[in-house]
Amino acid sequence: MTPVVVPLPGSEALAGRLRAALRARRGIVESRHFPDGETYLRLRTVVRGRPVVVAANLDRPDAKFLALEFLARLARDLGATRIGLVAPYLPYMRQDKRFKPGEAVTSNYFATLVSRSFDWMVTVDPHLHRRTALSQIYTIPAEAVHAAPLISQWIHDHVRAPLVIGPDIESSQWVAAVASDADAPYRILTKHRYGDRRVKVSSPRAAVQSGTPVIVDDILSTARTMIEAVRNVRSGTGKAPYCVAIHGIFADDADRALKRAGARGVVTCNTVPHPSNRIDVSPLLADAARRFLKRTTRQKLM
């Protein structure tokens, strides 16, 4: 049965790319707010007897999550066979333990809510810290696809004599893979974090003297780490580095702050819509979603 790709309101572009790749039907959602601020949703596409894929950009998730939950439950009420979530950026991965007494472990709570409403999930490089797999908190099948090969290809195609730089030791394994695929050397800087918006990055100047510097990281939120890395590289080499990341959240006008710090250019994957998007992860997402849809078809035939 042909699947239906349904956009979370505001995620229509993502849904369109997935729909084209999956050759799926278009799910039309009518959405508005009542005068008191409550959400109104209407699914104008017939989904009875069909699998549904909900496409959702989940950066800044608090304003979006109720509509996401309502949309999943609406599709189930209307007879969808199975409901999958394709969320290129997966939020609420930061707070994965109780650092202080009384803190909410929100990564667990968010995973529980999503797992109750969806049958499977696809995302891109979730920000795993003390966990090694999504299955440790999500009770539904969940696949994380990896953007590193696409980033390596972008660097290979667009940067002459690249030197790939990781902003901290946590990035070393990932940066090494990106550099290897881009056929480039790499270096790792040292980071000291003093709070959400205060970090210090340092390295021996000799570590970044040759090549065109390309600083890569997984998430640019406040971008304080990347900003400090840019300053460090510029002071050590006199060269303006490229800044490349998977997820560009850009809180507090971080994109402008990066440019003021002296970045030569800022490039992100399109996991979060932003003018810096240059690397398309849609084929990765569609391939993973297709695998889940095929599993569903086989299960129904058995």
Protein backbone atom coordinates (compact mmCIF):
# COMPACT_ATOMS: atom_id res chain seq x y z
CA MET A 1 0.00 0.00 0.00
CA THR A 2 1.38 3.42 -0.97
CA PRO A 3 2.44 5.34 2.14
CA VAL A 4 1.25 8.85 2.97
CA VAL A 5 3.81 11.47 4.01
CA VAL A 6 2.23 13.95 6.41
CA PRO A 7 4.02 17.15 7.42
CA LEU A 8 4.03 18.57 10.89
CA PRO A 9 2.89 22.15 10.23
CA GLY A 10 6.00 24.05 9.21
CA SER A 11 7.76 20.97 7.84
CA GLU A 12 6.25 20.95 4.36
CA ALA A 13 9.59 21.23 2.53
CA LEU A 14 10.97 18.22 4.35
CA ALA A 15 7.77 16.28 3.64
CA GLY A 16 8.01 17.16 -0.04
CA ARG A 17 11.54 15.80 -0.34
CA LEU A 18 10.59 12.59 1.44
CA ARG A 19 7.43 12.17 -0.60
CA ALA A 20 9.35 12.45 -3.86
CA ALA A 21 12.01 9.96 -2.75
CA LEU A 22 9.45 7.46 -1.43
CA ARG A 23 6.95 8.02 -4.26
CA ALA A 24 4.36 8.46 -1.57
CA ARG A 25 1.00 10.21 -1.42
CA ARG A 26 0.84 13.76 -0.17
CA GLY A 27 -0.73 14.21 3.24
CA ILE A 28 -2.57 17.52 3.49
CA VAL A 29 -2.86 18.97 6.98
CA GLU A 30 -5.08 21.90 7.89
CA SER A 31 -3.81 23.66 10.99
CA ARG A 32 -4.68 26.78 12.93
CA HIS A 33 -5.13 28.03 16.47
CA PHE A 34 -8.32 28.85 18.27
CA PRO A 35 -8.52 32.31 19.87
CA ASP A 36 -7.41 30.84 23.21
CA GLY A 37 -4.26 29.40 21.62
CA GLU A 38 -5.36 25.78 21.40
CA THR A 39 -4.40 23.79 18.30
CA TYR A 40 -6.85 22.78 15.56
CA LEU A 41 -5.79 19.99 13.19
CA ARG A 42 -7.55 18.35 10.27
CA LEU A 43 -6.02 15.64 8.09
CA ARG A 44 -7.60 16.07 4.67
CA THR A 45 -5.97 13.00 3.09
CA VAL A 46 -7.43 9.52 3.54
CA VAL A 47 -4.98 7.37 5.50
CA ARG A 48 -7.16 4.38 6.40
CA GLY A 49 -5.32 1.16 5.62
CA ARG A 50 -2.10 2.99 4.70
CA PRO A 51 1.20 3.51 6.51
CA VAL A 52 1.86 7.12 7.47
CA VAL A 53 5.20 8.89 7.68
CA VAL A 54 5.16 12.10 9.73
CA ALA A 55 7.90 14.52 8.62
CA ALA A 56 8.88 16.86 11.44
CA ASN A 57 11.51 19.55 11.93
CA LEU A 58 11.87 19.41 15.73
CA ASP A 59 14.32 22.18 16.48
CA ARG A 60 12.86 24.43 19.20
CA PRO A 61 10.51 21.56 20.05
CA ASP A 62 8.35 22.90 22.86
CA ALA A 63 6.15 24.94 20.54
CA LYS A 64 5.75 21.98 18.17
CA PHE A 65 5.38 18.92 20.32
CA LEU A 66 1.65 19.05 21.09
CA ALA A 67 0.83 19.32 17.38
CA LEU A 68 3.16 16.37 16.72
CA GLU A 69 1.40 14.23 19.31
CA PHE A 70 -2.04 15.26 18.08
CA LEU A 71 -1.07 14.52 14.47
CA ALA A 72 0.16 11.01 15.29
CA ARG A 73 -2.96 10.21 17.30
CA LEU A 74 -5.20 11.68 14.60
CA ALA A 75 -3.63 9.47 11.94
CA ARG A 76 -4.14 6.43 14.14
CA ASP A 77 -7.76 7.40 14.87
CA LEU A 78 -8.35 7.68 11.11
CA GLY A 79 -7.13 4.14 10.47
CA ALA A 80 -3.44 4.41 9.52
CA THR A 81 -1.80 0.98 9.72
CA ARG A 82 1.53 2.13 11.19
CA ILE A 83 2.93 5.57 11.90
CA GLY A 84 6.59 6.49 11.56
CA LEU A 85 8.40 9.67 12.54
CA VAL A 86 11.16 11.18 10.41
CA ALA A 87 12.81 13.88 12.52
CA PRO A 88 16.19 14.93 11.07
CA TYR A 89 17.08 16.73 14.31
CA LEU A 90 16.13 14.88 17.49
CA PRO A 91 15.77 17.20 20.49
CA TYR A 92 16.00 16.48 24.21
CA MET A 93 19.19 14.44 24.07
CA ARG A 94 21.21 16.81 26.28
CA GLN A 95 19.79 16.06 29.74
CA ASP A 96 20.56 12.35 29.89
CA LYS A 97 21.28 12.10 33.61
CA ARG A 98 20.45 13.85 36.86
CA PHE A 99 23.42 16.13 37.36
CA LYS A 100 21.91 17.86 40.41
CA PRO A 101 19.31 16.59 42.90
CA GLY A 102 15.78 17.13 41.67
CA GLU A 103 16.60 17.62 37.97
CA ALA A 104 14.33 16.18 35.28
CA VAL A 105 15.99 13.62 33.00
CA THR A 106 14.13 15.04 30.01
CA SER A 107 15.74 12.80 27.38
CA ASN A 108 13.99 9.84 29.04
CA TYR A 109 10.65 11.60 29.30
CA PHE A 110 10.69 12.81 25.70
CA ALA A 111 11.60 9.32 24.46
CA THR A 112 8.68 7.83 26.39
CA LEU A 113 6.20 10.27 24.85
CA VAL A 114 7.43 9.69 21.29
CA SER A 115 7.52 5.91 21.76
CA ARG A 116 3.89 5.91 22.85
CA SER A 117 2.67 7.71 19.74
CA PHE A 118 4.84 6.30 16.92
CA ASP A 119 5.75 2.83 15.68
CA TRP A 120 9.23 3.68 14.39
CA MET A 121 11.57 6.64 14.03
CA VAL A 122 14.41 7.88 11.82
CA THR A 123 16.78 10.69 12.72
CA VAL A 124 20.25 12.00 11.83
CA ASP A 125 23.20 11.70 14.22
CA PRO A 126 21.47 12.25 17.56
CA HIS A 127 23.66 13.91 20.15
CA LEU A 128 24.49 10.83 22.24
CA HIS A 129 26.61 11.57 25.30
CA ARG A 130 26.59 8.87 27.95
CA ARG A 131 24.48 6.55 25.81
CA THR A 132 25.58 4.52 22.82
CA ALA A 133 22.25 3.85 21.08
CA LEU A 134 18.72 5.23 20.86
CA SER A 135 17.40 1.82 21.92
CA GLN A 136 18.58 2.59 25.44
CA ILE A 137 15.74 5.10 25.84
CA TYR A 138 13.35 4.62 22.88
CA THR A 139 11.15 1.52 23.03
CA ILE A 140 10.24 1.70 19.32
CA PRO A 141 12.60 0.72 16.48
CA ALA A 142 14.74 3.78 15.83
CA GLU A 143 17.45 4.28 13.23
CA ALA A 144 20.07 7.01 13.27
CA VAL A 145 21.60 7.69 9.87
CA HIS A 146 25.01 9.32 9.65
CA ALA A 147 25.89 12.49 7.77
CA ALA A 148 29.67 12.15 8.02
CA PRO A 149 30.12 10.74 4.48
CA LEU A 150 28.11 13.63 3.02
CA ILE A 151 30.17 16.16 4.96
CA SER A 152 33.37 14.49 3.76
CA GLN A 153 32.13 14.72 0.18
CA TRP A 154 31.30 18.42 0.57
CA ILE A 155 34.76 19.13 1.97
CA HIS A 156 36.41 17.11 -0.81
CA ASP A 157 34.43 18.95 -3.50
CA HIS A 158 34.61 22.51 -2.16
CA VAL A 159 37.79 23.00 -0.11
CA ARG A 160 41.29 23.03 -1.57
CA ALA A 161 43.88 21.19 0.56
CA PRO A 162 41.59 20.86 3.58
CA LEU A 163 42.79 20.40 7.14
CA VAL A 164 39.88 19.04 9.19
CA ILE A 165 39.78 20.31 12.78
CA GLY A 166 37.76 18.98 15.71
CA PRO A 167 36.92 21.54 18.40
CA ASP A 168 37.27 19.11 21.33
CA ILE A 169 38.33 15.60 22.26
CA GLU A 170 34.70 14.40 22.13
CA SER A 171 34.74 15.01 18.37
CA SER A 172 37.95 13.09 17.68
CA GLN A 173 36.52 9.78 16.44
CA TRP A 174 33.92 11.49 14.27
CA VAL A 175 36.40 14.04 12.90
CA ALA A 176 38.86 11.28 12.07
CA ALA A 177 36.20 9.52 9.97
CA VAL A 178 35.26 12.74 8.14
CA ALA A 179 38.90 13.51 7.42
CA SER A 180 39.63 9.99 6.21
CA ASP A 181 36.73 10.03 3.75
CA ALA A 182 37.74 13.49 2.54
CA ASP A 183 41.34 12.29 2.10
CA ALA A 184 42.55 15.04 4.43
CA PRO A 185 44.65 15.31 7.59
CA TYR A 186 43.01 16.32 10.86
CA ARG A 187 43.79 17.92 14.22
CA ILE A 188 41.90 18.05 17.51
CA LEU A 189 41.72 21.12 19.74
CA THR A 190 41.25 21.16 23.51
CA LYS A 191 38.08 22.55 25.08
CA HIS A 192 37.29 23.65 28.62
CA ARG A 193 33.61 24.35 29.32
CA TYR A 194 32.59 26.76 32.07
CA GLY A 195 28.86 26.94 31.34
CA ASP A 196 26.28 26.85 28.54
CA ARG A 197 27.70 29.98 26.94
CA ARG A 198 31.30 30.09 28.17
CA VAL A 199 34.05 27.86 26.81
CA LYS A 200 37.75 28.12 26.07
CA VAL A 201 39.42 26.30 23.17
CA SER A 202 43.16 25.96 22.81
CA SER A 203 45.80 24.02 20.87
CA PRO A 204 49.49 24.14 20.07
CA ARG A 205 49.86 26.61 17.21
CA ALA A 206 51.93 24.12 15.25
CA ALA A 207 48.93 21.80 15.12
CA VAL A 208 47.05 23.95 12.61
CA GLN A 209 49.68 25.60 10.43
CA SER A 210 49.13 24.02 7.00
CA GLY A 211 46.13 23.53 4.71
CA THR A 212 42.74 25.23 4.56
CA PRO A 213 41.19 24.83 8.02
CA VAL A 214 37.71 23.27 8.21
CA ILE A 215 36.26 23.04 11.71
CA VAL A 216 33.58 20.36 11.97
CA ASP A 217 31.13 19.65 14.79
CA ASP A 218 27.80 17.90 15.15
CA ILE A 219 25.65 20.69 16.61
CA LEU A 220 25.87 24.48 16.48
CA SER A 221 23.54 25.73 19.19
CA THR A 222 25.03 28.79 20.87
CA ALA A 223 28.16 27.90 18.82
CA ARG A 224 30.42 29.07 21.64
CA THR A 225 32.77 26.13 21.08
CA MET A 226 32.95 26.78 17.34
CA ILE A 227 33.44 30.52 17.86
CA GLU A 228 36.37 29.92 20.19
CA ALA A 229 37.80 27.37 17.76
CA VAL A 230 37.59 29.93 14.94
CA ARG A 231 39.46 32.49 17.03
CA ASN A 232 42.08 29.94 17.99
CA VAL A 233 42.66 28.84 14.40
CA ARG A 234 42.83 32.42 13.12
CA SER A 235 45.29 33.46 15.81
CA GLY A 236 47.45 30.40 15.17
CA THR A 237 47.47 30.44 11.37
CA GLY A 238 46.14 33.75 10.13
CA LYS A 239 43.64 31.76 8.05
CA ALA A 240 39.85 32.04 8.14
CA PRO A 241 38.35 28.57 8.64
CA TYR A 242 35.23 27.05 7.21
CA CYS A 243 32.72 25.92 9.86
CA VAL A 244 30.74 22.79 9.00
CA ALA A 245 28.11 21.09 11.18
CA ILE A 246 25.31 18.58 10.95
CA HIS A 247 22.69 20.45 12.97
CA GLY A 248 22.57 24.24 12.85
CA ILE A 249 20.32 25.45 15.68
CA PHE A 250 21.95 28.90 15.86
CA ALA A 251 20.55 30.12 19.16
CA ASP A 252 21.28 33.74 20.11
CA ASP A 253 22.18 34.69 16.50
CA ALA A 254 25.11 32.29 16.63
CA ASP A 255 25.49 32.32 12.84
CA ARG A 256 26.22 36.04 12.88
CA ALA A 257 28.58 35.59 15.83
CA LEU A 258 30.55 32.99 13.87
CA LYS A 259 31.00 35.36 10.97
CA ARG A 260 32.05 38.17 13.31
CA ALA A 261 34.62 35.81 14.84
CA GLY A 262 36.15 35.41 11.38
CA ALA A 263 34.67 32.26 9.87
CA ARG A 264 35.26 32.05 6.13
CA GLY A 265 31.90 30.34 5.65
CA VAL A 266 29.29 28.39 7.62
CA VAL A 267 27.84 25.20 6.14
CA THR A 268 25.23 22.87 7.66
CA CYS A 269 23.16 19.86 6.70
CA ASN A 270 19.46 20.53 6.14
CA THR A 271 18.40 18.79 9.34
CA VAL A 272 17.26 22.22 10.56
CA PRO A 273 16.10 24.72 7.90
CA HIS A 274 18.58 27.60 7.67
CA PRO A 275 20.27 29.67 4.94
CA SER A 276 23.54 27.82 5.69
CA ASN A 277 22.08 24.48 4.49
CA ARG A 278 24.34 23.11 1.76
CA ILE A 279 24.29 19.37 2.44
CA ASP A 280 21.10 17.42 1.74
CA VAL A 281 20.42 14.47 4.08
CA SER A 282 17.02 13.67 2.55
CA PRO A 283 18.28 10.60 0.62
CA LEU A 284 19.60 9.09 3.87
CA LEU A 285 16.29 9.70 5.63
CA ALA A 286 14.26 8.32 2.74
CA ASP A 287 16.38 5.16 2.53
CA ALA A 288 15.91 4.47 6.24
CA ALA A 289 12.18 5.20 6.08
CA ARG A 290 11.89 2.87 3.08
CA ARG A 291 13.44 0.06 5.10
CA PHE A 292 10.85 0.49 7.84
CA LEU A 293 8.02 0.63 5.32
CA LYS A 294 9.24 -2.59 3.68
CA ARG A 295 9.35 -4.32 7.06
CA THR A 296 5.75 -3.29 7.64
CA THR A 297 4.68 -4.68 4.25
CA ARG A 298 6.40 -8.01 4.89
CA GLN A 299 4.79 -8.31 8.32
CA LYS A 300 1.33 -7.80 6.82
CA LEU A 301 1.98 -10.43 4.13
CA MET A 302 3.07 -13.08 6.63
